[in-house]
Amino acid sequence: MKLPPLLLVLMLSAGVVPGAYAQVSAANSAASAAAVENGLRPAFDIVGEMPARWTIEERMEHWRVPGVSIAVIRGGKLLWAKGYGVLQRGRPEKVDADTMFSVGSVSKVAAAGIALRMVDAGILDLDRDVNAYLRRWKVPANDLVAQSPVTLRGLMSHSAGLTVHGFPDFQPGAALPTVFDTLDGRPPAVTAPVRVTYAPGSHWRYSGGGITVEQLLIEDVSGIAFNAAARRYLFEPLGMRRSSYEATIGDKWGNIAKAHGPDGAARALPRGYESMPEIAASGLWTTPSDYARYVIAMIRSYNDREGGFLANATAQQMMTEVGVSPYGLGPQLGGHGVDRIFSHGGSNDSYKAWMEGHLATGDGVVIFTNGENGDGLLKEIRRAVAAAEGWRMGGSITIPAATPSPDMLRAYVGHYRVASPSTIASQRSLAFSLDVKDIEIAMREDRLGVTYRDSEGNKLEDTLISEGGSWFVEADDGVEQVEFVRGYDGKVSGLVIHNDDYSMDAQLIR
């Protein structure tokens, strides 16, 4: 479609990309963008109360996030892409559709595309022992690896039994670890060695360390640096012209979103951004419209029997859970039928990101921010997109106005121990990146607070909102529901975590 010259100029001046690689309606694009911009919303609407709705500018100010960029996909086509705010607080340069962001763990899903292109080319095998490919470092031998080797399928699905959840960012001027420093946990790396502590395939545990092994494997087999492999297998085939896996991105790119802390102030100065040397796990710099190309390619490969960017059979495997894992080969998976989605969040110290694709409908969204508080903002934006596009999953939910008495809430306070994850369902149950062992319920003012802890001491905290009776929902995004269980004697004995796909039990121990 050829846009009228004036309309084209107006859209470009506003930072909108009008379907550069797909035919879309300018009117539909504008209507969707306006609905999102004025429709940010909380996770909950309360019966009898006027629903809260905000503009994107209002919530950027609330969350102290200077810049955000969004790409919305409809029916396998880019509907619109647009930027808001500034690259750096206190400076005039605007965020637009071509602004590059650090995207944290969203990097992992793109890295999976590189590996799977090599699988399609016959260069890699998903189920071969990775030590057969690794040349400059090997997964250390132990009794667990002797039982079942680490494979590429295990690395990509976080089921290979490897340690190290994630990595901190490095400030300007800091010495950067090599990939070997990171894998062996030696300075200047600041994380523990990456080692197998579960038998591969027996547990799911989110592991940035495992993706770092994947990075080295790709380099060793291809014979080129990871960023060069990304250009060969991912960026150039998809036309991702503003994407890079450079640990320290160069100013040559221009138009880079700078880092901001929780107070909204610029940091990592004078350069304005941190370095992420664990590049496959967290080091991608890209734009929402570039990344949307990848999301669209995954959707088309999955649905087209002739394949596309990936062979259809490979894309089908990518979008299928691996054993005990809620992940496929790279993305987290959820929903069924027309609600089947793949997604991933990203969280570096000063940047928060989200990507999501809907396999049946071809819809999706990519949201990048340049502030440490960006998680709150991107969730509100994602709910606005869900409402504007008519998605059934992930919008605001309605809860009753009545709340339990303080005495009722205090009865639920205590320490709960997750039952032994003997079933696949129990191990997939929670949709966040923790191998949860313990759950702590405590009073926080007039509500219940919940803290999830894993075996490595990582934790996630949230607030529980009553849905009536013994049922509560997490305030953060309304995904997990908590049901408290009482015995025949009326005393609380445990709880059940529910989400759209699975459930998991925990017993009250004190």
Protein backbone atom coordinates (compact mmCIF):
# COMPACT_ATOMS: atom_id res chain seq x y z
CA MET A 1 0.00 0.00 0.00
CA LYS A 2 1.32 3.43 -0.91
CA LEU A 3 0.50 6.04 1.72
CA PRO A 4 -0.38 9.62 0.74
CA PRO A 5 2.82 11.72 1.03
CA LEU A 6 1.46 14.01 3.78
CA LEU A 7 0.21 11.09 5.87
CA LEU A 8 3.53 9.32 5.44
CA VAL A 9 5.45 12.41 6.59
CA LEU A 10 3.18 12.82 9.62
CA MET A 11 3.58 9.17 10.65
CA LEU A 12 7.36 9.21 10.28
CA SER A 13 7.69 12.45 12.20
CA ALA A 14 5.77 10.82 15.06
CA GLY A 15 8.14 7.84 15.07
CA VAL A 16 5.63 5.41 13.52
CA VAL A 17 6.79 2.77 11.06
CA PRO A 18 3.83 2.26 8.69
CA GLY A 19 4.18 -1.41 7.87
CA ALA A 20 7.60 -1.31 6.29
CA TYR A 21 7.44 -5.05 5.50
CA ALA A 22 3.70 -5.75 5.57
CA GLN A 23 0.53 -4.31 4.12
CA VAL A 24 -1.49 -2.73 6.90
CA SER A 25 -4.22 -0.11 7.08
CA ALA A 26 -3.03 3.32 8.20
CA ALA A 27 -6.41 3.93 9.82
CA ASN A 28 -6.24 0.65 11.75
CA SER A 29 -2.68 1.43 12.83
CA ALA A 30 -3.60 4.89 14.07
CA ALA A 31 -6.70 3.64 15.93
CA SER A 32 -4.78 0.86 17.65
CA ALA A 33 -1.93 3.20 18.64
CA ALA A 34 -4.36 5.78 20.06
CA ALA A 35 -6.22 3.11 22.05
CA VAL A 36 -2.98 1.90 23.58
CA GLU A 37 -1.62 5.38 24.29
CA ASN A 38 -4.76 6.31 26.23
CA GLY A 39 -5.67 2.93 27.67
CA LEU A 40 -2.97 1.86 30.12
CA ARG A 41 -4.60 0.01 33.00
CA PRO A 42 -3.96 -1.87 36.24
CA ALA A 43 -4.15 -5.63 36.62
CA PHE A 44 -7.55 -5.36 38.35
CA ASP A 45 -10.84 -3.59 37.92
CA ILE A 46 -12.98 -3.64 41.07
CA VAL A 47 -16.73 -4.30 40.88
CA GLY A 48 -18.68 -1.08 41.39
CA GLU A 49 -15.68 1.24 40.90
CA MET A 50 -14.76 3.33 37.88
CA PRO A 51 -11.92 1.51 36.05
CA ALA A 52 -8.58 3.32 36.19
CA ARG A 53 -7.25 4.29 32.77
CA TRP A 54 -4.10 6.31 32.06
CA THR A 55 -2.14 7.80 29.19
CA ILE A 56 1.29 6.43 28.43
CA GLU A 57 2.86 9.79 29.37
CA GLU A 58 1.16 9.71 32.79
CA ARG A 59 2.51 6.27 33.58
CA MET A 60 5.99 6.99 32.25
CA GLU A 61 6.12 9.83 34.75
CA HIS A 62 4.67 7.62 37.52
CA TRP A 63 7.23 4.87 36.95
CA ARG A 64 10.06 7.33 36.28
CA VAL A 65 10.84 5.72 32.93
CA PRO A 66 12.16 8.27 30.41
CA GLY A 67 11.70 6.23 27.24
CA VAL A 68 9.67 3.36 25.78
CA SER A 69 9.23 1.92 22.31
CA ILE A 70 6.43 -0.41 21.17
CA ALA A 71 5.72 -2.61 18.15
CA VAL A 72 2.28 -4.22 17.71
CA ILE A 73 1.71 -7.19 15.40
CA ARG A 74 -1.70 -8.16 13.99
CA GLY A 75 -2.36 -11.19 11.81
CA GLY A 76 1.33 -11.83 11.14
CA LYS A 77 2.02 -8.24 10.04
CA LEU A 78 3.54 -5.24 11.74
CA LEU A 79 0.58 -3.00 12.61
CA TRP A 80 2.53 -0.09 14.07
CA ALA A 81 5.76 0.78 15.84
CA LYS A 82 6.31 3.98 17.79
CA GLY A 83 8.56 5.53 20.42
CA TYR A 84 7.77 7.77 23.37
CA GLY A 85 9.88 9.95 25.64
CA VAL A 86 13.61 10.58 25.43
CA LEU A 87 16.88 8.67 25.11
CA GLN A 88 18.23 10.31 28.26
CA ARG A 89 16.44 12.36 30.88
CA GLY A 90 17.41 16.02 30.64
CA ARG A 91 18.33 15.82 26.97
CA PRO A 92 16.07 16.52 23.96
CA GLU A 93 16.76 13.48 21.76
CA LYS A 94 13.50 11.52 21.31
CA VAL A 95 12.89 7.78 21.38
CA ASP A 96 11.48 6.59 18.06
CA ALA A 97 10.83 3.35 16.22
CA ASP A 98 14.56 2.98 15.39
CA THR A 99 15.90 3.48 18.93
CA MET A 100 18.06 0.60 20.17
CA PHE A 101 17.50 -0.83 23.65
CA SER A 102 19.25 -3.40 25.78
CA VAL A 103 16.65 -6.19 26.10
CA GLY A 104 18.00 -8.51 28.80
CA SER A 105 16.76 -12.08 28.61
CA VAL A 106 14.71 -11.41 25.50
CA SER A 107 18.18 -12.00 24.02
CA LYS A 108 17.79 -15.70 24.78
CA VAL A 109 14.88 -16.20 22.39
CA ALA A 110 16.78 -14.55 19.53
CA ALA A 111 19.85 -16.67 20.36
CA ALA A 112 17.60 -19.73 20.03
CA GLY A 113 16.82 -18.67 16.46
CA ILE A 114 20.54 -18.69 15.63
CA ALA A 115 20.97 -22.19 17.06
CA LEU A 116 17.88 -23.52 15.30
CA ARG A 117 18.97 -22.14 11.92
CA MET A 118 22.17 -24.14 12.45
CA VAL A 119 20.06 -27.19 13.30
CA ASP A 120 18.14 -26.76 10.05
CA ALA A 121 21.46 -26.50 8.18
CA GLY A 122 22.57 -29.83 9.65
CA ILE A 123 25.39 -28.18 11.62
CA LEU A 124 23.93 -28.89 15.06
CA ASP A 125 21.88 -31.72 16.57
CA LEU A 126 19.47 -30.87 19.39
CA ASP A 127 20.08 -34.14 21.22
CA ARG A 128 23.80 -34.70 20.92
CA ASP A 129 26.09 -34.28 23.95
CA VAL A 130 27.24 -30.64 23.80
CA ASN A 131 30.77 -31.71 24.77
CA ALA A 132 31.02 -33.27 21.32
CA TYR A 133 30.77 -29.72 19.91
CA LEU A 134 32.61 -27.68 22.54
CA ARG A 135 36.32 -27.25 21.75
CA ARG A 136 37.70 -24.61 24.11
CA TRP A 137 35.80 -25.62 27.27
CA LYS A 138 33.84 -28.66 28.38
CA VAL A 139 30.89 -29.15 30.71
CA PRO A 140 32.68 -30.62 33.76
CA ALA A 141 32.11 -34.31 34.26
CA ASN A 142 30.26 -35.63 37.32
CA ASP A 143 27.92 -38.49 38.22
CA LEU A 144 24.87 -36.52 37.06
CA VAL A 145 26.25 -35.87 33.58
CA ALA A 146 27.25 -39.53 33.39
CA GLN A 147 23.57 -40.45 33.79
CA SER A 148 22.35 -38.09 31.08
CA PRO A 149 24.46 -35.71 28.96
CA VAL A 150 23.80 -32.01 28.55
CA THR A 151 22.23 -31.35 25.15
CA LEU A 152 21.34 -28.25 23.15
CA ARG A 153 17.67 -29.07 23.69
CA GLY A 154 18.31 -29.04 27.45
CA LEU A 155 20.24 -25.75 27.34
CA MET A 156 17.54 -23.95 25.35
CA SER A 157 14.69 -25.17 27.57
CA HIS A 158 16.47 -24.62 30.92
CA SER A 159 16.25 -28.33 31.73
CA ALA A 160 19.95 -29.26 31.47
CA GLY A 161 20.50 -29.03 35.25
CA LEU A 162 22.92 -26.09 35.05
CA THR A 163 23.38 -23.33 37.64
CA VAL A 164 23.57 -19.50 37.55
CA HIS A 165 20.19 -17.87 37.09
CA GLY A 166 21.38 -14.54 35.67
CA PHE A 167 24.18 -12.02 35.46
CA PRO A 168 24.73 -8.45 36.69
CA ASP A 169 25.58 -5.64 34.31
CA PHE A 170 29.04 -4.08 34.23
CA GLN A 171 29.53 -0.34 34.59
CA PRO A 172 31.67 1.79 32.25
CA GLY A 173 35.36 1.25 32.91
CA ALA A 174 34.89 -2.12 34.61
CA ALA A 175 36.93 -5.10 33.44
CA LEU A 176 34.74 -7.50 31.48
CA PRO A 177 34.94 -11.27 31.94
CA THR A 178 35.52 -13.57 29.02
CA VAL A 179 33.04 -16.34 28.35
CA PHE A 180 35.51 -18.71 30.03
CA ASP A 181 35.74 -16.49 33.13
CA THR A 182 31.96 -16.57 33.34
CA LEU A 183 31.66 -20.33 32.90
CA ASP A 184 34.30 -21.04 35.55
CA GLY A 185 33.29 -18.26 37.93
CA ARG A 186 36.65 -16.52 38.11
CA PRO A 187 37.33 -12.74 38.25
CA PRO A 188 36.39 -10.42 36.76
CA ALA A 189 33.22 -12.54 36.62
CA VAL A 190 31.11 -12.02 39.74
CA THR A 191 28.91 -15.12 39.52
CA ALA A 192 29.50 -18.71 40.58
CA PRO A 193 30.84 -21.35 38.19
CA VAL A 194 28.31 -22.82 35.77
CA ARG A 195 27.94 -26.45 36.80
CA VAL A 196 25.45 -29.32 36.52
CA THR A 197 23.75 -29.89 39.90
CA TYR A 198 20.58 -31.66 38.67
CA ALA A 199 20.57 -34.68 36.38
CA PRO A 200 19.87 -33.23 32.91
CA GLY A 201 16.18 -33.59 32.09
CA SER A 202 15.10 -34.22 35.69
CA HIS A 203 14.29 -30.65 36.74
CA TRP A 204 13.54 -27.28 35.28
CA ARG A 205 15.77 -24.45 36.50
CA TYR A 206 16.16 -21.18 34.65
CA SER A 207 19.84 -20.85 33.77
CA GLY A 208 21.56 -17.95 32.08
CA GLY A 209 24.65 -20.07 32.63
CA GLY A 210 23.20 -22.69 30.29
CA ILE A 211 22.63 -20.08 27.58
CA THR A 212 26.28 -19.03 27.97
CA VAL A 213 27.25 -22.63 27.20
CA GLU A 214 24.98 -22.36 24.13
CA GLN A 215 26.83 -19.17 23.13
CA LEU A 216 30.23 -20.88 23.30
CA LEU A 217 28.90 -23.90 21.42
CA ILE A 218 27.68 -21.70 18.55
CA GLU A 219 31.07 -19.96 18.39
CA ASP A 220 33.05 -23.21 18.49
CA VAL A 221 31.00 -24.89 15.77
CA SER A 222 30.65 -21.87 13.47
CA GLY A 223 34.26 -20.76 13.93
CA ILE A 224 33.20 -17.11 14.27
CA ALA A 225 32.30 -14.75 17.11
CA PHE A 226 28.74 -14.92 18.38
CA ASN A 227 27.76 -11.51 17.01
CA ALA A 228 29.05 -12.53 13.57
CA ALA A 229 27.02 -15.74 13.80
CA ALA A 230 23.98 -13.64 14.73
CA ARG A 231 24.48 -11.51 11.61
CA ARG A 232 24.86 -14.59 9.40
CA TYR A 233 21.98 -16.67 10.73
CA LEU A 234 19.54 -14.10 12.12
CA PHE A 235 20.00 -10.39 11.45
CA GLU A 236 20.78 -10.46 7.71
CA PRO A 237 18.16 -13.11 6.74
CA LEU A 238 15.42 -11.15 8.53
CA GLY A 239 16.57 -7.64 7.68
CA MET A 240 17.22 -6.73 11.33
CA ARG A 241 19.40 -3.73 10.44
CA ARG A 242 19.57 -2.21 13.94
CA SER A 243 20.41 -5.24 16.05
CA SER A 244 23.71 -6.31 17.61
CA TYR A 245 25.13 -8.70 20.19
CA GLU A 246 28.07 -6.44 21.08
CA ALA A 247 28.94 -6.59 24.80
CA THR A 248 29.74 -2.88 24.74
CA ILE A 249 27.75 -1.31 21.95
CA GLY A 250 29.54 1.42 20.04
CA ASP A 251 28.35 4.96 19.51
CA LYS A 252 28.56 4.26 15.77
CA TRP A 253 24.98 3.00 15.97
CA GLY A 254 23.56 6.27 17.27
CA ASN A 255 20.00 6.61 18.64
CA ILE A 256 20.65 4.39 21.70
CA ALA A 257 18.36 4.47 24.74
CA LYS A 258 20.46 5.32 27.79
CA ALA A 259 20.29 3.65 31.22
CA HIS A 260 18.16 5.02 34.09
CA GLY A 261 17.80 3.95 37.70
CA PRO A 262 14.68 3.58 39.85
CA ASP A 263 14.68 7.32 40.54
CA GLY A 264 14.56 8.04 36.82
CA ALA A 265 18.05 9.54 36.79
CA ALA A 266 20.56 8.69 34.07
CA ARG A 267 23.40 6.42 35.17
CA ALA A 268 26.38 4.51 33.81
CA LEU A 269 27.68 7.89 32.69
CA PRO A 270 29.40 9.32 30.74
CA ARG A 271 28.72 6.56 28.22
CA GLY A 272 25.16 6.17 29.41
CA TYR A 273 24.77 2.41 29.38
CA GLU A 274 26.18 -0.72 30.98
CA SER A 275 27.88 -3.71 29.33
CA MET A 276 26.46 -7.24 29.24
CA PRO A 277 29.33 -9.62 28.36
CA GLU A 278 27.09 -12.73 28.64
CA ILE A 279 25.74 -11.72 25.28
CA ALA A 280 23.56 -14.69 24.27
CA ALA A 281 21.84 -14.61 27.66
CA SER A 282 21.36 -10.86 28.04
CA GLY A 283 23.44 -8.83 25.60
CA LEU A 284 21.20 -8.12 22.61
CA TRP A 285 20.68 -4.49 21.51
CA THR A 286 17.74 -4.08 19.16
CA THR A 287 14.56 -2.17 18.34
CA PRO A 288 10.95 -3.33 18.78
CA SER A 289 10.34 -3.19 15.02
CA ASP A 290 13.49 -5.26 14.36
CA TYR A 291 12.48 -7.80 16.98
CA ALA A 292 8.94 -7.88 15.59
CA ARG A 293 10.44 -9.21 12.35
CA TYR A 294 11.76 -12.16 14.33
CA VAL A 295 8.44 -12.75 16.12
CA ILE A 296 6.60 -12.70 12.78
CA ALA A 297 9.14 -15.11 11.27
CA MET A 298 8.61 -17.55 14.15
CA ILE A 299 4.83 -17.41 13.75
CA ARG A 300 5.01 -17.95 9.99
CA SER A 301 7.52 -20.80 10.30
CA TYR A 302 5.25 -22.50 12.85
CA ASN A 303 2.13 -22.25 10.70
CA ASP A 304 3.51 -22.69 7.17
CA ARG A 305 4.04 -26.34 6.23
CA GLU A 306 6.62 -25.22 3.71
CA GLY A 307 8.56 -23.50 6.47
CA GLY A 308 10.24 -20.14 6.22
CA PHE A 309 12.97 -18.70 8.38
CA LEU A 310 12.90 -22.06 10.18
CA ALA A 311 11.74 -25.39 8.86
CA ASN A 312 8.17 -26.02 9.95
CA ALA A 313 9.14 -29.11 11.97
CA THR A 314 11.86 -27.13 13.76
CA ALA A 315 9.48 -24.27 14.57
CA GLN A 316 6.96 -26.79 15.91
CA GLN A 317 9.63 -28.17 18.25
CA MET A 318 10.59 -24.65 19.29
CA MET A 319 7.01 -24.04 20.42
CA THR A 320 6.60 -27.32 22.34
CA GLU A 321 7.42 -27.70 26.06
CA VAL A 322 10.46 -29.87 26.78
CA GLY A 323 9.75 -32.46 29.47
CA VAL A 324 9.53 -30.83 32.89
CA SER A 325 10.08 -27.34 31.50
CA PRO A 326 7.42 -24.68 30.82
CA TYR A 327 9.78 -23.53 28.06
CA GLY A 328 10.19 -24.69 24.51
CA LEU A 329 13.42 -24.15 22.62
CA GLY A 330 13.99 -20.56 23.76
CA PRO A 331 10.59 -19.03 24.62
CA GLN A 332 8.29 -19.60 27.54
CA LEU A 333 4.99 -21.15 26.43
CA GLY A 334 1.44 -20.86 27.68
CA GLY A 335 -2.21 -21.21 26.77
CA HIS A 336 -3.94 -23.64 24.44
CA GLY A 337 -5.72 -23.52 21.11
CA VAL A 338 -6.29 -19.98 19.87
CA ASP A 339 -4.76 -18.70 23.12
CA ARG A 340 -1.41 -20.42 22.54
CA ILE A 341 1.39 -17.87 23.08
CA PHE A 342 5.17 -17.73 23.26
CA SER A 343 6.82 -15.01 25.27
CA HIS A 344 9.80 -13.83 27.29
CA GLY A 345 10.67 -10.95 29.56
CA GLY A 346 13.99 -9.15 29.84
CA SER A 347 15.48 -7.48 32.90
CA ASN A 348 18.90 -5.86 32.89
CA ASP A 349 19.76 -3.35 35.62
CA SER A 350 18.47 -0.31 33.73
CA TYR A 351 16.30 -1.76 30.97
CA LYS A 352 13.11 -3.87 30.98
CA ALA A 353 11.68 -5.63 27.95
CA TRP A 354 8.81 -7.89 26.85
CA MET A 355 8.06 -9.89 23.71
CA GLU A 356 5.01 -12.01 22.92
CA GLY A 357 3.61 -13.85 19.91
CA HIS A 358 0.25 -15.58 19.40
CA LEU A 359 0.69 -18.67 17.27
CA ALA A 360 -2.90 -19.16 16.07
CA THR A 361 -3.80 -15.54 15.28
CA GLY A 362 -0.43 -14.10 14.30
CA ASP A 363 -0.76 -11.28 16.83
CA GLY A 364 1.96 -10.06 19.15
CA VAL A 365 3.69 -7.18 20.88
CA VAL A 366 7.25 -6.06 21.66
CA ILE A 367 7.87 -3.45 24.37
CA PHE A 368 11.25 -2.03 25.42
CA THR A 369 11.98 0.54 28.16
CA ASN A 370 15.09 2.33 29.42
CA GLY A 371 14.29 2.49 33.14
CA GLU A 372 14.79 0.12 36.07
CA ASN A 373 11.10 0.53 36.96
CA GLY A 374 10.10 -0.46 33.44
CA ASP A 375 8.44 -3.75 34.47
CA GLY A 376 5.44 -1.93 35.92
CA LEU A 377 5.08 0.25 32.85
CA LEU A 378 5.40 -2.50 30.27
CA LYS A 379 2.78 -4.62 32.01
CA GLU A 380 0.33 -1.72 31.91
CA ILE A 381 1.14 -1.19 28.23
CA ARG A 382 0.71 -4.89 27.49
CA ARG A 383 -2.74 -4.85 29.09
CA ALA A 384 -3.66 -1.81 26.98
CA VAL A 385 -2.55 -3.66 23.84
CA ALA A 386 -4.60 -6.71 24.88
CA ALA A 387 -7.69 -4.51 25.27
CA ALA A 388 -7.11 -2.62 22.01
CA GLU A 389 -6.53 -5.82 20.02
CA GLY A 390 -9.26 -7.89 21.69
CA TRP A 391 -6.96 -10.55 23.13
CA ARG A 392 -8.60 -12.93 25.56
CA MET A 393 -5.49 -13.50 27.66
CA GLY A 394 -3.58 -11.03 29.76
CA GLY A 395 -5.96 -8.14 30.14
CA SER A 396 -7.26 -6.60 33.35
CA ILE A 397 -9.47 -8.89 35.42
CA THR A 398 -12.47 -7.92 37.55
CA ILE A 399 -12.43 -8.72 41.27
CA PRO A 400 -15.08 -8.31 44.00
CA ALA A 401 -15.14 -5.23 46.19
CA ALA A 402 -15.46 -7.24 49.43
CA THR A 403 -12.22 -8.06 51.27
CA PRO A 404 -11.49 -10.67 53.97
CA SER A 405 -11.25 -9.57 57.58
CA PRO A 406 -7.77 -9.07 59.12
CA ASP A 407 -8.33 -12.18 61.28
CA MET A 408 -9.06 -14.24 58.17
CA LEU A 409 -5.91 -12.95 56.47
CA ARG A 410 -3.73 -13.64 59.51
CA ALA A 411 -4.85 -17.27 59.47
CA TYR A 412 -3.01 -17.70 56.15
CA VAL A 413 0.31 -16.31 57.40
CA GLY A 414 3.14 -18.84 57.56
CA HIS A 415 5.93 -20.74 55.81
CA TYR A 416 4.89 -23.20 53.12
CA ARG A 417 7.08 -25.90 51.58
CA VAL A 418 6.46 -26.93 47.99
CA ALA A 419 5.63 -30.61 47.64
CA SER A 420 8.26 -32.72 45.94
CA PRO A 421 7.94 -31.93 42.23
CA SER A 422 7.24 -35.52 41.23
CA THR A 423 4.98 -34.64 38.30
CA ILE A 424 5.63 -32.73 35.14
CA ALA A 425 2.69 -30.44 35.91
CA SER A 426 4.06 -29.49 39.32
CA GLN A 427 7.45 -28.61 37.88
CA ARG A 428 5.93 -26.43 35.16
CA SER A 429 3.44 -24.82 37.48
CA LEU A 430 4.82 -21.36 38.11
CA ALA A 431 5.19 -19.09 35.13
CA PHE A 432 8.23 -17.23 36.38
CA SER A 433 11.88 -18.08 36.37
CA LEU A 434 12.42 -19.67 39.75
CA ASP A 435 12.78 -23.27 40.80
CA VAL A 436 10.49 -22.61 43.76
CA LYS A 437 11.05 -24.51 47.02
CA ASP A 438 9.56 -22.30 49.73
CA ILE A 439 6.69 -19.82 49.91
CA GLU A 440 6.35 -17.26 52.70
CA ILE A 441 2.98 -15.59 53.38
CA ALA A 442 3.07 -12.48 55.58
CA MET A 443 0.89 -9.49 56.42
CA ARG A 444 1.80 -6.28 54.58
CA GLU A 445 -0.39 -3.56 56.04
CA ASP A 446 -3.95 -4.75 55.30
CA ARG A 447 -3.05 -7.31 52.62
CA LEU A 448 -1.16 -10.56 52.26
CA GLY A 449 2.34 -10.52 50.83
CA VAL A 450 3.92 -13.56 49.19
CA THR A 451 7.63 -14.35 48.76
CA TYR A 452 8.79 -17.20 46.54
CA ARG A 453 12.30 -18.59 47.10
CA ASP A 454 14.33 -21.09 45.11
CA SER A 455 17.13 -23.44 46.13
CA GLU A 456 19.79 -20.85 45.21
CA GLY A 457 18.31 -18.11 47.39
CA ASN A 458 16.70 -16.10 44.57
CA LYS A 459 13.34 -14.65 45.46
CA LEU A 460 10.30 -12.97 43.96
CA GLU A 461 7.81 -10.93 45.96
CA ASP A 462 4.22 -9.94 45.26
CA THR A 463 1.00 -8.88 46.97
CA LEU A 464 -2.12 -11.06 47.00
CA ILE A 465 -5.55 -9.60 46.19
CA SER A 466 -8.67 -11.36 47.44
CA GLU A 467 -11.02 -12.91 44.90
CA GLY A 468 -13.41 -14.00 47.64
CA GLY A 469 -13.28 -16.93 50.06
CA SER A 470 -9.89 -18.64 50.14
CA TRP A 471 -8.86 -17.54 46.65
CA PHE A 472 -6.35 -14.78 45.91
CA VAL A 473 -4.60 -13.48 42.81
CA GLU A 474 -1.16 -11.92 42.45
CA ALA A 475 -1.33 -8.15 42.25
CA ASP A 476 1.64 -7.82 39.92
CA ASP A 477 0.03 -9.18 36.79
CA GLY A 478 -2.94 -11.31 37.79
CA VAL A 479 -1.47 -14.54 36.39
CA GLU A 480 -0.98 -16.84 39.36
CA GLN A 481 -3.85 -17.59 41.70
CA VAL A 482 -3.32 -18.79 45.27
CA GLU A 483 -5.90 -21.02 46.91
CA PHE A 484 -5.50 -21.62 50.66
CA VAL A 485 -6.60 -25.07 51.84
CA ARG A 486 -8.22 -25.81 55.20
CA GLY A 487 -8.49 -29.25 56.78
CA TYR A 488 -11.48 -30.95 58.32
CA ASP A 489 -10.71 -29.12 61.57
CA GLY A 490 -10.98 -25.75 59.80
CA LYS A 491 -7.27 -24.94 60.16
CA VAL A 492 -5.12 -23.87 57.22
CA SER A 493 -2.97 -26.80 56.07
CA GLY A 494 -1.51 -25.69 52.76
CA LEU A 495 -1.98 -23.78 49.55
CA VAL A 496 -2.26 -24.44 45.83
CA ILE A 497 -0.70 -22.25 43.14
CA HIS A 498 -2.79 -22.16 39.98
CA ASN A 499 -2.12 -20.64 36.58
CA ASP A 500 -3.69 -21.12 33.16
CA ASP A 501 -1.90 -24.39 32.53
CA TYR A 502 -0.77 -26.07 35.76
CA SER A 503 -1.07 -26.17 39.52
CA MET A 504 1.29 -26.92 42.39
CA ASP A 505 0.78 -27.83 46.07
CA ALA A 506 2.63 -26.50 49.11
CA GLN A 507 2.22 -27.61 52.74
CA LEU A 508 2.15 -25.30 55.76
CA ILE A 509 5.17 -26.20 57.91
CA ARG A 510 5.08 -23.34 60.46
